[in-house]
Amino acid sequence: MYLDYVVDDQEIRILDDDELNEAFQKGIITDSEYQKAKKCGMMIQESLESRHQEIISLFTTLYQKLNTQITEKEND
């Protein structure tokens, strides 16, 4: 809802938690929506953490493929 996640080779970070809190404090979202967002956010973070190395491997592979394609295009 308001949360973003950054996955790098060191950690998984949650961004914009302050925006979620602000939306709740301003009445933009209800208590139920806030609690649901927090609960879902925790579930997402736990899932990302449990598969952290797998995610890093996937992104590394995709980055390498994309980099190769860009290099080949530049050399055409």
PDB file of N, CA and C in Angstrom:
ATOM      1  N   MET A   1       0.826  -1.196   0.000  1.00  0.00           N
ATOM      2  CA  MET A   1       0.000   0.000   0.000  1.00  0.00           C
ATOM      3  C   MET A   1       0.866   1.253   0.000  1.00  0.00           C
ATOM      4  N   TYR A   2       1.774   1.378   0.938  1.00  0.00           N
ATOM      5  CA  TYR A   2       2.670   2.514   0.989  1.00  0.00           C
ATOM      6  C   TYR A   2       4.121   2.084   1.157  1.00  0.00           C
ATOM      7  N   LEU A   3       4.368   0.801   1.206  1.00  0.00           N
ATOM      8  CA  LEU A   3       5.704   0.306   1.515  1.00  0.00           C
ATOM      9  C   LEU A   3       6.438  -0.126   0.254  1.00  0.00           C
ATOM     10  N   ASP A   4       7.714   0.205   0.197  1.00  0.00           N
ATOM     11  CA  ASP A   4       8.594  -0.237  -0.875  1.00  0.00           C
ATOM     12  C   ASP A   4       9.722  -1.039  -0.241  1.00  0.00           C
ATOM     13  N   TYR A   5      10.235  -1.991  -0.996  1.00  0.00           N
ATOM     14  CA  TYR A   5      11.313  -2.834  -0.504  1.00  0.00           C
ATOM     15  C   TYR A   5      12.508  -2.712  -1.435  1.00  0.00           C
ATOM     16  N   VAL A   6      13.684  -2.632  -0.847  1.00  0.00           N
ATOM     17  CA  VAL A   6      14.926  -2.614  -1.605  1.00  0.00           C
ATOM     18  C   VAL A   6      15.714  -3.844  -1.195  1.00  0.00           C
ATOM     19  N   VAL A   7      16.079  -4.632  -2.200  1.00  0.00           N
ATOM     20  CA  VAL A   7      16.855  -5.844  -1.952  1.00  0.00           C
ATOM     21  C   VAL A   7      18.223  -5.634  -2.585  1.00  0.00           C
ATOM     22  N   ASP A   8      19.255  -5.693  -1.772  1.00  0.00           N
ATOM     23  CA  ASP A   8      20.612  -5.663  -2.312  1.00  0.00           C
ATOM     24  C   ASP A   8      21.380  -6.836  -1.738  1.00  0.00           C
ATOM     25  N   ASP A   9      22.653  -6.921  -2.073  1.00  0.00           N
ATOM     26  CA  ASP A   9      23.400  -8.106  -1.643  1.00  0.00           C
ATOM     27  C   ASP A   9      23.661  -8.148  -0.148  1.00  0.00           C
ATOM     28  N   GLN A  10      23.424  -7.070   0.552  1.00  0.00           N
ATOM     29  CA  GLN A  10      23.664  -7.011   1.994  1.00  0.00           C
ATOM     30  C   GLN A  10      22.397  -7.181   2.832  1.00  0.00           C
ATOM     31  N   GLU A  11      21.309  -6.574   2.370  1.00  0.00           N
ATOM     32  CA  GLU A  11      20.125  -6.537   3.225  1.00  0.00           C
ATOM     33  C   GLU A  11      18.858  -6.284   2.430  1.00  0.00           C
ATOM     34  N   ILE A  12      17.760  -6.359   3.135  1.00  0.00           N
ATOM     35  CA  ILE A  12      16.451  -5.996   2.599  1.00  0.00           C
ATOM     36  C   ILE A  12      15.953  -4.832   3.443  1.00  0.00           C
ATOM     37  N   ARG A  13      15.659  -3.736   2.781  1.00  0.00           N
ATOM     38  CA  ARG A  13      15.227  -2.537   3.508  1.00  0.00           C
ATOM     39  C   ARG A  13      13.794  -2.182   3.123  1.00  0.00           C
ATOM     40  N   ILE A  14      13.066  -1.696   4.100  1.00  0.00           N
ATOM     41  CA  ILE A  14      11.722  -1.185   3.867  1.00  0.00           C
ATOM     42  C   ILE A  14      11.824   0.323   3.766  1.00  0.00           C
ATOM     43  N   LEU A  15      11.267   0.854   2.684  1.00  0.00           N
ATOM     44  CA  LEU A  15      11.223   2.296   2.502  1.00  0.00           C
ATOM     45  C   LEU A  15       9.789   2.773   2.657  1.00  0.00           C
ATOM     46  N   ASP A  16       9.637   4.002   2.993  1.00  0.00           N
ATOM     47  CA  ASP A  16       8.337   4.671   3.046  1.00  0.00           C
ATOM     48  C   ASP A  16       7.433   4.209   4.178  1.00  0.00           C
ATOM     49  N   ASP A  17       8.006   3.574   5.195  1.00  0.00           N
ATOM     50  CA  ASP A  17       7.225   3.202   6.367  1.00  0.00           C
ATOM     51  C   ASP A  17       6.635   4.460   7.005  1.00  0.00           C
ATOM     52  N   ASP A  18       7.388   5.546   6.914  1.00  0.00           N
ATOM     53  CA  ASP A  18       6.911   6.815   7.452  1.00  0.00           C
ATOM     54  C   ASP A  18       5.672   7.307   6.704  1.00  0.00           C
ATOM     55  N   GLU A  19       5.587   7.034   5.402  1.00  0.00           N
ATOM     56  CA  GLU A  19       4.409   7.429   4.632  1.00  0.00           C
ATOM     57  C   GLU A  19       3.175   6.634   5.058  1.00  0.00           C
ATOM     58  N   LEU A  20       3.372   5.373   5.372  1.00  0.00           N
ATOM     59  CA  LEU A  20       2.268   4.556   5.866  1.00  0.00           C
ATOM     60  C   LEU A  20       1.771   5.102   7.196  1.00  0.00           C
ATOM     61  N   ASN A  21       2.700   5.393   8.089  1.00  0.00           N
ATOM     62  CA  ASN A  21       2.329   5.951   9.390  1.00  0.00           C
ATOM     63  C   ASN A  21       1.619   7.292   9.239  1.00  0.00           C
ATOM     64  N   GLU A  22       2.120   8.122   8.338  1.00  0.00           N
ATOM     65  CA  GLU A  22       1.507   9.439   8.103  1.00  0.00           C
ATOM     66  C   GLU A  22       0.090   9.306   7.546  1.00  0.00           C
ATOM     67  N   ALA A  23      -0.095   8.372   6.609  1.00  0.00           N
ATOM     68  CA  ALA A  23      -1.424   8.147   6.039  1.00  0.00           C
ATOM     69  C   ALA A  23      -2.411   7.732   7.127  1.00  0.00           C
ATOM     70  N   PHE A  24      -1.953   6.913   8.054  1.00  0.00           N
ATOM     71  CA  PHE A  24      -2.814   6.487   9.155  1.00  0.00           C
ATOM     72  C   PHE A  24      -3.119   7.661  10.083  1.00  0.00           C
ATOM     73  N   GLN A  25      -2.081   8.420  10.437  1.00  0.00           N
ATOM     74  CA  GLN A  25      -2.267   9.548  11.349  1.00  0.00           C
ATOM     75  C   GLN A  25      -3.183  10.621  10.774  1.00  0.00           C
ATOM     76  N   LYS A  26      -3.155  10.788   9.455  1.00  0.00           N
ATOM     77  CA  LYS A  26      -3.998  11.810   8.806  1.00  0.00           C
ATOM     78  C   LYS A  26      -5.395  11.291   8.484  1.00  0.00           C
ATOM     79  N   GLY A  27      -5.645  10.022   8.760  1.00  0.00           N
ATOM     80  CA  GLY A  27      -6.969   9.459   8.514  1.00  0.00           C
ATOM     81  C   GLY A  27      -7.207   9.074   7.064  1.00  0.00           C
ATOM     82  N   ILE A  28      -6.133   9.005   6.277  1.00  0.00           N
ATOM     83  CA  ILE A  28      -6.260   8.615   4.876  1.00  0.00           C
ATOM     84  C   ILE A  28      -6.595   7.135   4.771  1.00  0.00           C
ATOM     85  N   ILE A  29      -6.053   6.362   5.707  1.00  0.00           N
ATOM     86  CA  ILE A  29      -6.377   4.939   5.783  1.00  0.00           C
ATOM     87  C   ILE A  29      -6.907   4.642   7.185  1.00  0.00           C
ATOM     88  N   THR A  30      -7.728   3.625   7.266  1.00  0.00           N
ATOM     89  CA  THR A  30      -8.321   3.245   8.543  1.00  0.00           C
ATOM     90  C   THR A  30      -7.336   2.423   9.364  1.00  0.00           C
ATOM     91  N   ASP A  31      -7.693   2.207  10.622  1.00  0.00           N
ATOM     92  CA  ASP A  31      -6.878   1.358  11.486  1.00  0.00           C
ATOM     93  C   ASP A  31      -6.785  -0.043  10.908  1.00  0.00           C
ATOM     94  N   SER A  32      -7.888  -0.544  10.388  1.00  0.00           N
ATOM     95  CA  SER A  32      -7.903  -1.880   9.791  1.00  0.00           C
ATOM     96  C   SER A  32      -6.956  -1.949   8.593  1.00  0.00           C
ATOM     97  N   GLU A  33      -6.984  -0.948   7.736  1.00  0.00           N
ATOM     98  CA  GLU A  33      -6.098  -0.912   6.578  1.00  0.00           C
ATOM     99  C   GLU A  33      -4.629  -0.793   7.013  1.00  0.00           C
ATOM    100  N   TYR A  34      -4.397   0.010   8.029  1.00  0.00           N
ATOM    101  CA  TYR A  34      -3.042   0.184   8.556  1.00  0.00           C
ATOM    102  C   TYR A  34      -2.511  -1.141   9.096  1.00  0.00           C
ATOM    103  N   GLN A  35      -3.316  -1.818   9.901  1.00  0.00           N
ATOM    104  CA  GLN A  35      -2.890  -3.092  10.481  1.00  0.00           C
ATOM    105  C   GLN A  35      -2.652  -4.136   9.391  1.00  0.00           C
ATOM    106  N   LYS A  36      -3.540  -4.152   8.395  1.00  0.00           N
ATOM    107  CA  LYS A  36      -3.390  -5.094   7.294  1.00  0.00           C
ATOM    108  C   LYS A  36      -2.103  -4.807   6.512  1.00  0.00           C
ATOM    109  N   ALA A  37      -1.820  -3.541   6.252  1.00  0.00           N
ATOM    110  CA  ALA A  37      -0.596  -3.161   5.532  1.00  0.00           C
ATOM    111  C   ALA A  37       0.644  -3.566   6.326  1.00  0.00           C
ATOM    112  N   LYS A  38       0.624  -3.343   7.632  1.00  0.00           N
ATOM    113  CA  LYS A  38       1.763  -3.726   8.476  1.00  0.00           C
ATOM    114  C   LYS A  38       1.952  -5.251   8.466  1.00  0.00           C
ATOM    115  N   LYS A  39       0.844  -5.979   8.592  1.00  0.00           N
ATOM    116  CA  LYS A  39       0.915  -7.439   8.607  1.00  0.00           C
ATOM    117  C   LYS A  39       1.410  -7.968   7.261  1.00  0.00           C
ATOM    118  N   CYS A  40       0.855  -7.461   6.183  1.00  0.00           N
ATOM    119  CA  CYS A  40       1.308  -7.887   4.850  1.00  0.00           C
ATOM    120  C   CYS A  40       2.766  -7.503   4.633  1.00  0.00           C
ATOM    121  N   GLY A  41       3.134  -6.327   5.098  1.00  0.00           N
ATOM    122  CA  GLY A  41       4.520  -5.873   4.978  1.00  0.00           C
ATOM    123  C   GLY A  41       5.487  -6.807   5.675  1.00  0.00           C
ATOM    124  N   MET A  42       5.115  -7.258   6.855  1.00  0.00           N
ATOM    125  CA  MET A  42       5.964  -8.194   7.598  1.00  0.00           C
ATOM    126  C   MET A  42       6.068  -9.527   6.860  1.00  0.00           C
ATOM    127  N   MET A  43       4.955  -9.971   6.290  1.00  0.00           N
ATOM    128  CA  MET A  43       4.958 -11.230   5.542  1.00  0.00           C
ATOM    129  C   MET A  43       5.847 -11.122   4.303  1.00  0.00           C
ATOM    130  N   ILE A  44       5.765  -9.994   3.614  1.00  0.00           N
ATOM    131  CA  ILE A  44       6.600  -9.780   2.434  1.00  0.00           C
ATOM    132  C   ILE A  44       8.071  -9.761   2.828  1.00  0.00           C
ATOM    133  N   GLN A  45       8.389  -9.034   3.887  1.00  0.00           N
ATOM    134  CA  GLN A  45       9.775  -8.954   4.326  1.00  0.00           C
ATOM    135  C   GLN A  45      10.304 -10.337   4.724  1.00  0.00           C
ATOM    136  N   GLU A  46       9.528 -11.094   5.453  1.00  0.00           N
ATOM    137  CA  GLU A  46       9.955 -12.438   5.849  1.00  0.00           C
ATOM    138  C   GLU A  46      10.182 -13.327   4.627  1.00  0.00           C
ATOM    139  N   SER A  47       9.299 -13.205   3.641  1.00  0.00           N
ATOM    140  CA  SER A  47       9.446 -13.991   2.423  1.00  0.00           C
ATOM    141  C   SER A  47      10.712 -13.599   1.664  1.00  0.00           C
ATOM    142  N   LEU A  48      10.959 -12.301   1.554  1.00  0.00           N
ATOM    143  CA  LEU A  48      12.165 -11.829   0.881  1.00  0.00           C
ATOM    144  C   LEU A  48      13.421 -12.273   1.621  1.00  0.00           C
ATOM    145  N   GLU A  49      13.385 -12.194   2.943  1.00  0.00           N
ATOM    146  CA  GLU A  49      14.551 -12.594   3.735  1.00  0.00           C
ATOM    147  C   GLU A  49      14.832 -14.080   3.612  1.00  0.00           C
ATOM    148  N   SER A  50      13.790 -14.887   3.558  1.00  0.00           N
ATOM    149  CA  SER A  50      13.992 -16.336   3.481  1.00  0.00           C
ATOM    150  C   SER A  50      14.525 -16.769   2.116  1.00  0.00           C
ATOM    151  N   ARG A  51      14.355 -15.907   1.106  1.00  0.00           N
ATOM    152  CA  ARG A  51      14.817 -16.234  -0.248  1.00  0.00           C
ATOM    153  C   ARG A  51      15.846 -15.228  -0.752  1.00  0.00           C
ATOM    154  N   HIS A  52      16.499 -14.562   0.170  1.00  0.00           N
ATOM    155  CA  HIS A  52      17.408 -13.469  -0.166  1.00  0.00           C
ATOM    156  C   HIS A  52      18.468 -13.880  -1.188  1.00  0.00           C
ATOM    157  N   GLN A  53      19.187 -14.951  -0.939  1.00  0.00           N
ATOM    158  CA  GLN A  53      20.250 -15.366  -1.862  1.00  0.00           C
ATOM    159  C   GLN A  53      19.686 -15.769  -3.219  1.00  0.00           C
ATOM    160  N   GLU A  54      18.539 -16.399  -3.222  1.00  0.00           N
ATOM    161  CA  GLU A  54      17.897 -16.784  -4.482  1.00  0.00           C
ATOM    162  C   GLU A  54      17.532 -15.542  -5.298  1.00  0.00           C
ATOM    163  N   ILE A  55      17.026 -14.535  -4.639  1.00  0.00           N
ATOM    164  CA  ILE A  55      16.661 -13.278  -5.308  1.00  0.00           C
ATOM    165  C   ILE A  55      17.907 -12.597  -5.866  1.00  0.00           C
ATOM    166  N   ILE A  56      18.965 -12.535  -5.067  1.00  0.00           N
ATOM    167  CA  ILE A  56      20.212 -11.919  -5.521  1.00  0.00           C
ATOM    168  C   ILE A  56      20.752 -12.659  -6.738  1.00  0.00           C
ATOM    169  N   SER A  57      20.723 -13.967  -6.720  1.00  0.00           N
ATOM    170  CA  SER A  57      21.199 -14.761  -7.858  1.00  0.00           C
ATOM    171  C   SER A  57      20.376 -14.479  -9.107  1.00  0.00           C
ATOM    172  N   LEU A  58      19.067 -14.409  -8.956  1.00  0.00           N
ATOM    173  CA  LEU A  58      18.187 -14.121 -10.084  1.00  0.00           C
ATOM    174  C   LEU A  58      18.498 -12.746 -10.679  1.00  0.00           C
ATOM    175  N   PHE A  59      18.585 -11.724  -9.828  1.00  0.00           N
ATOM    176  CA  PHE A  59      18.852 -10.378 -10.326  1.00  0.00           C
ATOM    177  C   PHE A  59      20.239 -10.265 -10.938  1.00  0.00           C
ATOM    178  N   THR A  60      21.204 -10.982 -10.393  1.00  0.00           N
ATOM    179  CA  THR A  60      22.552 -10.972 -10.956  1.00  0.00           C
ATOM    180  C   THR A  60      22.540 -11.569 -12.359  1.00  0.00           C
ATOM    181  N   THR A  61      21.855 -12.686 -12.519  1.00  0.00           N
ATOM    182  CA  THR A  61      21.736 -13.327 -13.823  1.00  0.00           C
ATOM    183  C   THR A  61      21.034 -12.411 -14.819  1.00  0.00           C
ATOM    184  N   LEU A  62      19.927 -11.811 -14.405  1.00  0.00           N
ATOM    185  CA  LEU A  62      19.195 -10.914 -15.296  1.00  0.00           C
ATOM    186  C   LEU A  62      20.021  -9.695 -15.671  1.00  0.00           C
ATOM    187  N   TYR A  63      20.748  -9.148 -14.711  1.00  0.00           N
ATOM    188  CA  TYR A  63      21.617  -8.004 -14.983  1.00  0.00           C
ATOM    189  C   TYR A  63      22.689  -8.367 -16.004  1.00  0.00           C
ATOM    190  N   GLN A  64      23.302  -9.514 -15.840  1.00  0.00           N
ATOM    191  CA  GLN A  64      24.349  -9.937 -16.766  1.00  0.00           C
ATOM    192  C   GLN A  64      23.798 -10.120 -18.183  1.00  0.00           C
ATOM    193  N   LYS A  65      22.613 -10.723 -18.300  1.00  0.00           N
ATOM    194  CA  LYS A  65      21.989 -10.906 -19.613  1.00  0.00           C
ATOM    195  C   LYS A  65      21.666  -9.561 -20.258  1.00  0.00           C
ATOM    196  N   LEU A  66      21.104  -8.665 -19.489  1.00  0.00           N
ATOM    197  CA  LEU A  66      20.757  -7.344 -20.000  1.00  0.00           C
ATOM    198  C   LEU A  66      22.010  -6.581 -20.416  1.00  0.00           C
ATOM    199  N   ASN A  67      23.044  -6.649 -19.603  1.00  0.00           N
ATOM    200  CA  ASN A  67      24.299  -5.974 -19.908  1.00  0.00           C
ATOM    201  C   ASN A  67      24.906  -6.519 -21.206  1.00  0.00           C
ATOM    202  N   THR A  68      24.837  -7.818 -21.386  1.00  0.00           N
ATOM    203  CA  THR A  68      25.341  -8.442 -22.613  1.00  0.00           C
ATOM    204  C   THR A  68      24.549  -7.954 -23.820  1.00  0.00           C
ATOM    205  N   GLN A  69      23.232  -7.898 -23.696  1.00  0.00           N
ATOM    206  CA  GLN A  69      22.388  -7.434 -24.800  1.00  0.00           C
ATOM    207  C   GLN A  69      22.686  -5.983 -25.156  1.00  0.00           C
ATOM    208  N   ILE A  70      22.875  -5.152 -24.160  1.00  0.00           N
ATOM    209  CA  ILE A  70      23.182  -3.738 -24.404  1.00  0.00           C
ATOM    210  C   ILE A  70      24.535  -3.606 -25.091  1.00  0.00           C
ATOM    211  N   THR A  71      25.509  -4.338 -24.611  1.00  0.00           N
ATOM    212  CA  THR A  71      26.855  -4.305 -25.212  1.00  0.00           C
ATOM    213  C   THR A  71      26.810  -4.761 -26.669  1.00  0.00           C
ATOM    214  N   GLU A  72      26.065  -5.820 -26.929  1.00  0.00           N
ATOM    215  CA  GLU A  72      25.953  -6.318 -28.309  1.00  0.00           C
ATOM    216  C   GLU A  72      25.287  -5.294 -29.210  1.00  0.00           C
ATOM    217  N   LYS A  73      24.259  -4.633 -28.718  1.00  0.00           N
ATOM    218  CA  LYS A  73      23.566  -3.614 -29.492  1.00  0.00           C
ATOM    219  C   LYS A  73      24.484  -2.433 -29.801  1.00  0.00           C
ATOM    220  N   GLU A  74      25.282  -2.057 -28.816  1.00  0.00           N
ATOM    221  CA  GLU A  74      26.205  -0.933 -29.003  1.00  0.00           C
ATOM    222  C   GLU A  74      27.279  -1.262 -30.032  1.00  0.00           C
ATOM    223  N   ASN A  75      27.621  -2.539 -30.143  1.00  0.00           N
ATOM    224  CA  ASN A  75      28.668  -2.964 -31.074  1.00  0.00           C
ATOM    225  C   ASN A  75      28.142  -3.245 -32.480  1.00  0.00           C
ATOM    226  N   ASP A  76      26.835  -3.217 -32.667  1.00  0.00           N
ATOM    227  CA  ASP A  76      26.249  -3.462 -34.008  1.00  0.00           C
ATOM    228  C   ASP A  76      26.424  -2.282 -34.916  1.00  0.00           C
TER     229      ASP A  76
END
